[in-house]
Amino acid sequence: MPWTRPRFGYSRQIWLFLAASFSFGLSQAFISLFLNFYLRELGLGPEWQGIVNALPALTLAAVSLPLVVLARRLSNARVIQLGAGLTVLGLSLLALAPGALLAVVGALLQGMGSAALSVSGAPFMANNSDERTRVGLFTIQSALMVGAGFVGNMLGGQLPALYTGWAGGDPGGLDALRAAMLVAAGLQPSGKPAQPGRSGALSIHDRPTMFRLVLPSMFVGLGAGATIPFLNVYIEGRFGISYASLGALFAWTSLATAVTVLIQPWLVRRLGQLGAVLAVQASSLPFLVMLGFSPSLWMVTVALFVRGALMNATGPVYSSYAMSVLRQADRPMYSAVNTIAWSGSWALASLASGALRASGWFDFATSFNILFGFTLLMYIANTLAIYLGIFLPDRRGELQPIPEAQGETF
């Protein structure tokens, strides 16, 4: 498949979307760093951490298909703006929650907002690019997101201490963590009015290709949901490091991912889109073993950097490939079905992870050993699903890119 270096003559609506992606990445970095500690200070144990982490994903699965209908009747751009508003509201409620009830409501609204962004983001970029620029655009957007993670984690790790330096109190206390969550809500982007889009039925033109593309996401969701939302708890509980150190650790991981994302186009030129995805994801598996089972912090740190960079960097390439082999009418549906598969399996695994850790059947270390073992098996299944279900059929010519016309604006 032909590909050239990224071209930066994108339209105004694409630049608005990229700016919003950076702001969203900052917010998500704050949330991932502090959410579990914030819930703990609210008096909610591991089982509630599992529930609140799972709720956005469950909501993603529940509302994604209705959002496809909405996107076809209005536009992907309008749905993106709706998602931004719901996410701000949900995070604000979560940050102000006095207990479990409002935290659950906030997580549900955040999930609805995230669903809108997930369903419409990739189709919006695909509809405003062509085959030659699509990988570059998806790469830039992903690099901005994870680059924002570097900035967000680095600054976020300092927020509780800055807050207590101004207002007094304990940097690990509820007020300081609540302040960090409110900053995350304030960083969510908002949008401008969109022009109407085309209406259409809730249908899929190419079901076999859709299934091939979605199945790997289910395996990744199951594996990631068991461990990734709780990496902060795992590292803090195992090695006792401070919030500032934890923020710096995740920040440098995000930076490593951003750098790896930016070299993906180079790999695509040499290995092809699917070859790059397979090579990079397979290379991440040994580092996942190191992350879950190494006895020392420095080994876990190296594994966190390398595994996160390798596994996450392939996302824009895979999304670009999926958009290129699907009709334009199927793209929002793919985003919805892919979101349902990934978020539903993520939520299931997250709930099971919280229940396992809260059960008391195993100690802290053994519980995470079991969870990391499960994650490894699911990531291996993901790699096999891409190789057998997509890479080989692509080599046989069963999957071909579909040229599309551009057109969608804010």
Protein backbone atom coordinates (compact mmCIF):
# COMPACT_ATOMS: atom_id res chain seq x y z
CA MET A 1 0.00 0.00 0.00
CA PRO A 2 1.53 3.36 -0.98
CA TRP A 3 2.44 5.80 1.71
CA THR A 4 4.28 9.09 1.88
CA ARG A 5 5.62 11.19 4.72
CA PRO A 6 3.00 13.17 6.67
CA ARG A 7 1.77 16.29 4.92
CA PHE A 8 0.88 19.17 7.18
CA GLY A 9 -1.50 21.03 4.88
CA TYR A 10 -4.50 19.72 6.77
CA SER A 11 -7.79 21.57 6.89
CA ARG A 12 -8.85 23.84 9.73
CA GLN A 13 -11.22 21.21 11.15
CA ILE A 14 -8.39 18.68 11.35
CA TRP A 15 -6.17 21.14 13.24
CA LEU A 16 -9.03 21.81 15.67
CA PHE A 17 -9.42 18.08 16.17
CA LEU A 18 -5.67 17.61 16.75
CA ALA A 19 -5.64 20.44 19.33
CA ALA A 20 -8.59 18.83 21.10
CA SER A 21 -6.78 15.49 21.07
CA PHE A 22 -3.81 17.03 22.88
CA SER A 23 -6.06 18.57 25.54
CA PHE A 24 -7.91 15.28 25.95
CA GLY A 25 -4.59 13.46 26.38
CA LEU A 26 -3.59 15.82 29.20
CA SER A 27 -6.86 15.15 30.97
CA GLN A 28 -6.62 11.38 30.57
CA ALA A 29 -3.10 11.38 32.01
CA PHE A 30 -4.35 13.06 35.19
CA ILE A 31 -7.23 10.61 35.49
CA SER A 32 -5.13 7.48 34.99
CA LEU A 33 -2.59 8.70 37.55
CA PHE A 34 -4.98 9.65 40.35
CA LEU A 35 -8.35 7.91 39.93
CA ASN A 36 -7.63 4.78 41.96
CA PHE A 37 -5.93 6.75 44.75
CA TYR A 38 -8.83 9.23 44.77
CA LEU A 39 -11.34 6.38 45.10
CA ARG A 40 -9.28 4.90 47.90
CA GLU A 41 -9.38 8.20 49.79
CA LEU A 42 -13.16 8.25 49.34
CA GLY A 43 -13.17 4.97 51.27
CA LEU A 44 -13.84 2.77 48.24
CA GLY A 45 -11.87 -0.48 48.18
CA PRO A 46 -10.48 -2.57 45.30
CA GLU A 47 -13.91 -3.88 44.34
CA TRP A 48 -15.21 -0.31 43.88
CA GLN A 49 -12.05 0.63 42.00
CA GLY A 50 -12.83 -2.21 39.61
CA ILE A 51 -16.44 -1.05 39.21
CA VAL A 52 -15.65 2.62 38.61
CA ASN A 53 -12.87 1.74 36.16
CA ALA A 54 -15.23 -0.64 34.37
CA LEU A 55 -18.25 1.67 34.14
CA PRO A 56 -16.93 3.96 31.38
CA ALA A 57 -16.10 0.89 29.30
CA LEU A 58 -19.51 -0.68 29.96
CA THR A 59 -21.17 2.57 28.93
CA LEU A 60 -19.01 2.65 25.81
CA ALA A 61 -20.36 -0.77 24.87
CA ALA A 62 -23.97 0.19 25.63
CA VAL A 63 -24.25 3.47 23.71
CA SER A 64 -21.85 3.01 20.79
CA LEU A 65 -24.44 1.70 18.32
CA PRO A 66 -26.99 4.47 19.05
CA LEU A 67 -24.17 6.96 18.53
CA VAL A 68 -23.53 5.52 15.06
CA VAL A 69 -27.12 6.38 14.14
CA LEU A 70 -26.64 9.86 15.58
CA ALA A 71 -23.36 10.33 13.68
CA ARG A 72 -25.02 9.34 10.40
CA ARG A 73 -27.91 11.74 10.98
CA LEU A 74 -25.85 14.70 12.20
CA SER A 75 -22.11 14.24 11.53
CA ASN A 76 -19.09 12.72 13.19
CA ALA A 77 -17.94 16.22 14.13
CA ARG A 78 -21.18 17.00 15.99
CA VAL A 79 -20.96 13.74 17.92
CA ILE A 80 -17.35 14.53 18.89
CA GLN A 81 -18.53 17.82 20.41
CA LEU A 82 -21.35 16.08 22.27
CA GLY A 83 -18.82 13.63 23.66
CA ALA A 84 -16.56 16.42 24.89
CA GLY A 85 -19.43 18.03 26.80
CA LEU A 86 -20.53 14.77 28.42
CA THR A 87 -16.97 13.96 29.43
CA VAL A 88 -16.51 17.34 31.14
CA LEU A 89 -19.77 16.86 33.05
CA GLY A 90 -18.94 13.29 34.06
CA LEU A 91 -15.43 14.10 35.29
CA SER A 92 -16.71 17.10 37.23
CA LEU A 93 -19.27 14.95 39.04
CA LEU A 94 -16.64 12.29 39.69
CA ALA A 95 -14.24 14.86 41.11
CA LEU A 96 -16.91 16.31 43.42
CA ALA A 97 -18.36 12.96 44.53
CA PRO A 98 -18.79 12.52 48.30
CA GLY A 99 -19.16 8.77 47.93
CA ALA A 100 -19.90 5.85 45.64
CA LEU A 101 -23.24 7.00 44.15
CA LEU A 102 -22.07 10.24 42.52
CA ALA A 103 -18.79 8.59 41.50
CA VAL A 104 -20.80 5.97 39.61
CA VAL A 105 -22.97 8.63 37.91
CA GLY A 106 -19.87 10.57 36.90
CA ALA A 107 -18.20 7.45 35.52
CA LEU A 108 -21.31 6.64 33.48
CA LEU A 109 -21.43 10.12 31.94
CA GLN A 110 -17.71 10.02 31.26
CA GLY A 111 -18.24 6.70 29.49
CA MET A 112 -20.95 8.20 27.29
CA GLY A 113 -18.64 11.03 26.33
CA SER A 114 -15.76 8.67 25.62
CA ALA A 115 -18.08 6.54 23.47
CA ALA A 116 -18.95 9.55 21.32
CA LEU A 117 -15.27 10.38 20.85
CA SER A 118 -14.35 6.76 20.10
CA VAL A 119 -17.13 6.17 17.60
CA SER A 120 -16.60 9.35 15.60
CA GLY A 121 -12.91 10.23 15.96
CA ALA A 122 -11.36 7.73 13.55
CA PRO A 123 -14.10 8.08 10.88
CA PHE A 124 -13.78 11.87 11.09
CA MET A 125 -10.03 11.67 10.40
CA ALA A 126 -10.52 9.06 7.68
CA ASN A 127 -13.14 11.18 5.92
CA ASN A 128 -10.79 14.17 5.95
CA SER A 129 -7.76 12.34 4.56
CA ASP A 130 -6.87 10.06 1.68
CA GLU A 131 -4.87 6.84 1.37
CA ARG A 132 -1.57 8.70 1.02
CA THR A 133 -2.02 10.97 4.05
CA ARG A 134 -4.09 8.76 6.34
CA VAL A 135 -1.26 6.95 8.16
CA GLY A 136 0.49 10.28 8.73
CA LEU A 137 -2.64 11.89 10.17
CA PHE A 138 -3.44 8.97 12.47
CA THR A 139 0.21 8.93 13.59
CA ILE A 140 0.26 12.65 14.40
CA GLN A 141 -3.00 12.41 16.35
CA SER A 142 -1.77 9.45 18.37
CA ALA A 143 1.60 11.08 19.03
CA LEU A 144 -0.16 14.22 20.31
CA MET A 145 -2.30 12.11 22.63
CA VAL A 146 0.59 10.20 24.15
CA GLY A 147 2.86 13.25 24.13
CA ALA A 148 0.19 14.99 26.17
CA GLY A 149 0.40 12.00 28.48
CA PHE A 150 4.05 12.84 29.13
CA VAL A 151 3.23 16.45 29.99
CA GLY A 152 0.14 15.47 31.97
CA ASN A 153 1.85 12.82 34.07
CA MET A 154 4.88 14.99 34.73
CA LEU A 155 2.78 17.97 35.83
CA GLY A 156 0.05 15.84 37.41
CA GLY A 157 2.47 14.12 39.75
CA GLN A 158 3.27 17.53 41.24
CA LEU A 159 -0.32 18.75 41.62
CA PRO A 160 -1.14 17.34 45.08
CA ALA A 161 2.03 18.86 46.55
CA LEU A 162 1.34 22.20 44.85
CA TYR A 163 -2.21 22.20 46.15
CA THR A 164 -1.19 21.44 49.73
CA GLY A 165 1.57 24.03 49.52
CA TRP A 166 -1.14 26.58 48.78
CA ALA A 167 -4.07 25.27 50.87
CA GLY A 168 -2.31 23.09 53.44
CA GLY A 169 -3.07 19.47 54.29
CA ASP A 170 -1.75 16.11 53.16
CA PRO A 171 -0.59 15.67 49.53
CA GLY A 172 -2.07 12.19 49.64
CA GLY A 173 -5.35 13.38 51.14
CA LEU A 174 -8.78 13.62 49.59
CA ASP A 175 -8.77 17.39 49.02
CA ALA A 176 -5.48 17.33 47.10
CA LEU A 177 -6.58 14.42 44.93
CA ARG A 178 -9.96 16.03 44.33
CA ALA A 179 -8.19 19.17 43.09
CA ALA A 180 -6.19 17.06 40.62
CA MET A 181 -9.38 15.44 39.31
CA LEU A 182 -11.02 18.85 38.86
CA VAL A 183 -8.03 19.99 36.80
CA ALA A 184 -8.52 16.90 34.62
CA ALA A 185 -12.17 17.87 34.05
CA GLY A 186 -11.15 21.40 33.10
CA LEU A 187 -8.72 20.13 30.48
CA GLN A 188 -11.42 18.34 28.49
CA PRO A 189 -11.87 20.01 25.08
CA SER A 190 -15.05 21.60 23.83
CA GLY A 191 -16.09 22.04 20.24
CA LYS A 192 -17.71 24.44 17.77
CA PRO A 193 -20.90 23.78 15.79
CA ALA A 194 -20.67 21.15 13.09
CA GLN A 195 -22.33 21.08 9.73
CA PRO A 196 -25.00 18.43 9.21
CA GLY A 197 -23.87 15.07 7.90
CA ARG A 198 -25.63 12.32 6.01
CA SER A 199 -28.28 10.12 7.55
CA GLY A 200 -28.27 6.38 7.13
CA ALA A 201 -29.42 3.06 8.52
CA LEU A 202 -27.63 1.04 11.13
CA SER A 203 -26.13 -1.51 8.73
CA ILE A 204 -22.86 -3.24 7.85
CA HIS A 205 -21.91 -3.83 4.22
CA ASP A 206 -18.89 -6.11 4.82
CA ARG A 207 -19.49 -8.27 7.89
CA PRO A 208 -16.58 -10.75 7.42
CA THR A 209 -14.00 -7.95 7.19
CA MET A 210 -15.59 -6.20 10.16
CA PHE A 211 -15.30 -9.37 12.25
CA ARG A 212 -11.64 -9.90 11.27
CA LEU A 213 -10.79 -6.34 12.29
CA VAL A 214 -12.71 -6.36 15.59
CA LEU A 215 -11.72 -9.74 17.05
CA PRO A 216 -8.16 -8.69 18.06
CA SER A 217 -9.59 -5.76 20.01
CA MET A 218 -11.60 -8.12 22.19
CA PHE A 219 -8.44 -9.99 23.19
CA VAL A 220 -6.56 -6.75 23.89
CA GLY A 221 -9.47 -5.44 25.96
CA LEU A 222 -9.59 -8.57 28.09
CA GLY A 223 -5.86 -8.53 28.69
CA ALA A 224 -5.48 -4.81 29.28
CA GLY A 225 -8.54 -4.47 31.50
CA ALA A 226 -7.13 -6.94 34.01
CA THR A 227 -3.96 -4.94 34.72
CA ILE A 228 -3.52 -1.61 32.92
CA PRO A 229 -6.08 0.43 34.94
CA PHE A 230 -4.33 -0.70 38.11
CA LEU A 231 -0.67 -0.20 37.18
CA ASN A 232 -0.50 2.79 39.52
CA VAL A 233 -1.80 0.66 42.41
CA TYR A 234 0.54 -2.19 41.45
CA ILE A 235 3.71 -0.07 41.34
CA GLU A 236 2.84 2.06 44.38
CA GLY A 237 1.83 -0.97 46.46
CA ARG A 238 4.82 -3.07 45.45
CA PHE A 239 7.58 -0.45 45.66
CA GLY A 240 6.05 2.33 47.81
CA ILE A 241 6.98 5.24 45.52
CA SER A 242 5.50 8.75 45.83
CA TYR A 243 2.88 10.33 43.58
CA ALA A 244 5.51 12.62 42.07
CA SER A 245 7.79 9.68 41.24
CA LEU A 246 4.85 7.71 39.90
CA GLY A 247 3.83 10.65 37.72
CA ALA A 248 7.37 10.96 36.36
CA LEU A 249 7.44 7.22 35.64
CA PHE A 250 4.23 7.32 33.62
CA ALA A 251 5.31 10.57 31.97
CA TRP A 252 8.49 9.07 30.55
CA THR A 253 6.48 6.03 29.46
CA SER A 254 4.17 8.32 27.51
CA LEU A 255 7.14 10.08 25.93
CA ALA A 256 8.64 6.74 24.89
CA THR A 257 5.30 5.82 23.33
CA ALA A 258 5.13 9.14 21.46
CA VAL A 259 8.60 8.59 20.00
CA THR A 260 7.69 5.04 18.97
CA VAL A 261 4.45 6.26 17.38
CA LEU A 262 6.41 8.72 15.26
CA ILE A 263 8.68 6.00 13.86
CA GLN A 264 5.73 3.83 12.83
CA PRO A 265 5.50 5.42 9.36
CA TRP A 266 9.14 4.43 8.80
CA LEU A 267 8.28 0.84 9.74
CA VAL A 268 5.20 0.95 7.52
CA ARG A 269 7.33 1.84 4.51
CA ARG A 270 9.53 -1.19 5.14
CA LEU A 271 7.16 -3.81 6.53
CA GLY A 272 3.74 -2.64 5.40
CA GLN A 273 0.97 -1.62 7.77
CA LEU A 274 0.12 -5.08 9.11
CA GLY A 275 3.75 -6.20 9.16
CA ALA A 276 4.62 -3.22 11.34
CA VAL A 277 1.72 -3.94 13.69
CA LEU A 278 2.70 -7.60 14.10
CA ALA A 279 6.42 -6.93 14.55
CA VAL A 280 5.94 -4.25 17.16
CA GLN A 281 3.23 -6.02 19.17
CA ALA A 282 5.12 -9.32 19.22
CA SER A 283 8.24 -7.49 20.42
CA SER A 284 6.29 -6.12 23.40
CA LEU A 285 5.43 -9.53 24.88
CA PRO A 286 8.74 -10.25 26.67
CA PHE A 287 8.56 -6.85 28.32
CA LEU A 288 5.06 -7.60 29.58
CA VAL A 289 6.52 -10.65 31.34
CA MET A 290 9.24 -8.44 32.84
CA LEU A 291 6.67 -5.87 33.98
CA GLY A 292 4.54 -8.39 35.83
CA PHE A 293 7.16 -10.68 37.31
CA SER A 294 10.42 -8.75 37.81
CA PRO A 295 11.55 -8.31 41.44
CA SER A 296 13.16 -4.87 41.14
CA LEU A 297 11.83 -1.39 40.41
CA TRP A 298 14.42 -0.63 37.74
CA MET A 299 13.43 -3.73 35.74
CA VAL A 300 9.74 -2.89 36.07
CA THR A 301 10.52 0.67 34.96
CA VAL A 302 12.35 -0.48 31.84
CA ALA A 303 9.55 -2.92 31.05
CA LEU A 304 6.90 -0.24 31.56
CA PHE A 305 8.68 2.09 29.15
CA VAL A 306 9.30 -0.45 26.42
CA ARG A 307 6.06 -2.47 26.66
CA GLY A 308 3.86 0.61 26.73
CA ALA A 309 5.71 2.20 23.83
CA LEU A 310 5.60 -0.90 21.64
CA MET A 311 2.04 -2.07 22.36
CA ASN A 312 0.39 1.35 22.15
CA ALA A 313 2.35 2.70 19.18
CA THR A 314 0.63 0.44 16.66
CA GLY A 315 -2.86 1.83 17.32
CA PRO A 316 -2.84 4.56 14.65
CA VAL A 317 -1.41 2.22 12.01
CA TYR A 318 -4.04 -0.45 12.71
CA SER A 319 -6.86 2.12 12.73
CA SER A 320 -5.63 3.60 9.47
CA TYR A 321 -5.53 0.15 7.87
CA ALA A 322 -9.06 -0.63 9.09
CA MET A 323 -10.39 2.64 7.66
CA SER A 324 -8.71 1.95 4.32
CA VAL A 325 -10.35 -1.47 3.76
CA LEU A 326 -13.85 -0.42 4.86
CA ARG A 327 -16.40 1.60 2.95
CA GLN A 328 -17.00 5.10 4.26
CA ALA A 329 -20.50 4.08 5.36
CA ASP A 330 -19.05 1.24 7.46
CA ARG A 331 -16.42 3.32 9.25
CA PRO A 332 -18.61 4.69 12.09
CA MET A 333 -20.07 1.20 12.54
CA TYR A 334 -16.58 -0.29 12.74
CA SER A 335 -15.62 2.27 15.37
CA ALA A 336 -18.76 1.41 17.33
CA VAL A 337 -18.41 -2.37 17.09
CA ASN A 338 -14.69 -2.16 17.82
CA THR A 339 -15.44 0.04 20.82
CA ILE A 340 -18.07 -2.42 22.05
CA ALA A 341 -15.68 -5.37 21.71
CA TRP A 342 -12.78 -3.60 23.36
CA SER A 343 -14.64 -1.75 26.10
CA GLY A 344 -16.96 -4.63 26.95
CA SER A 345 -14.05 -7.03 27.38
CA TRP A 346 -12.04 -4.34 29.22
CA ALA A 347 -14.94 -3.78 31.64
CA LEU A 348 -15.40 -7.49 32.26
CA ALA A 349 -11.70 -7.97 32.97
CA SER A 350 -11.55 -4.85 35.16
CA LEU A 351 -14.49 -6.04 37.27
CA ALA A 352 -12.93 -9.49 37.61
CA SER A 353 -9.57 -7.95 38.54
CA GLY A 354 -11.12 -5.81 41.28
CA ALA A 355 -13.08 -8.78 42.61
CA LEU A 356 -9.99 -11.00 42.67
CA ARG A 357 -7.92 -8.43 44.57
CA ALA A 358 -10.75 -7.76 47.03
CA SER A 359 -11.51 -11.44 47.65
CA GLY A 360 -8.55 -12.05 49.94
CA TRP A 361 -7.86 -15.40 48.31
CA PHE A 362 -4.32 -14.35 47.39
CA ASP A 363 -1.85 -11.80 48.68
CA PHE A 364 -1.09 -8.61 46.77
CA ALA A 365 1.84 -9.99 44.76
CA THR A 366 0.17 -13.30 43.86
CA SER A 367 -3.02 -11.55 42.72
CA PHE A 368 -1.09 -9.41 40.27
CA ASN A 369 0.99 -12.38 39.09
CA ILE A 370 -2.25 -14.13 38.12
CA LEU A 371 -3.58 -11.02 36.42
CA PHE A 372 -0.39 -10.41 34.44
CA GLY A 373 -0.35 -14.04 33.34
CA PHE A 374 -3.87 -13.66 32.00
CA THR A 375 -2.91 -10.41 30.23
CA LEU A 376 0.01 -12.17 28.53
CA LEU A 377 -2.23 -14.95 27.21
CA MET A 378 -4.73 -12.45 25.79
CA TYR A 379 -2.01 -10.40 24.08
CA ILE A 380 -0.65 -13.56 22.45
CA ALA A 381 -4.19 -14.35 21.23
CA ASN A 382 -4.42 -10.82 19.81
CA THR A 383 -1.20 -11.26 17.82
CA LEU A 384 -2.37 -14.61 16.45
CA ALA A 385 -5.77 -13.16 15.50
CA ILE A 386 -4.10 -10.37 13.48
CA TYR A 387 -1.70 -12.78 11.78
CA LEU A 388 -4.21 -15.51 10.91
CA GLY A 389 -7.31 -13.40 10.39
CA ILE A 390 -5.96 -10.25 8.70
CA PHE A 391 -2.31 -10.48 7.66
CA LEU A 392 -2.58 -13.76 5.73
CA PRO A 393 -5.87 -12.82 4.00
CA ASP A 394 -4.33 -9.47 3.08
CA ARG A 395 -1.33 -11.24 1.57
CA ARG A 396 -3.74 -13.40 -0.47
CA GLY A 397 -5.47 -10.29 -1.80
CA GLU A 398 -8.74 -10.87 0.05
CA LEU A 399 -8.62 -7.40 1.68
CA GLN A 400 -8.19 -4.41 -0.63
CA PRO A 401 -8.12 -0.64 0.08
CA ILE A 402 -11.24 1.26 -0.94
CA PRO A 403 -10.76 4.80 -2.37
CA GLU A 404 -13.02 7.39 -0.80
CA ALA A 405 -13.93 11.02 -1.32
CA GLN A 406 -13.24 13.49 1.48
CA GLY A 407 -15.73 15.72 3.15
CA GLU A 408 -16.74 16.59 6.71
CA THR A 409 -16.25 19.78 8.65
CA PHE A 410 -16.68 21.34 12.02
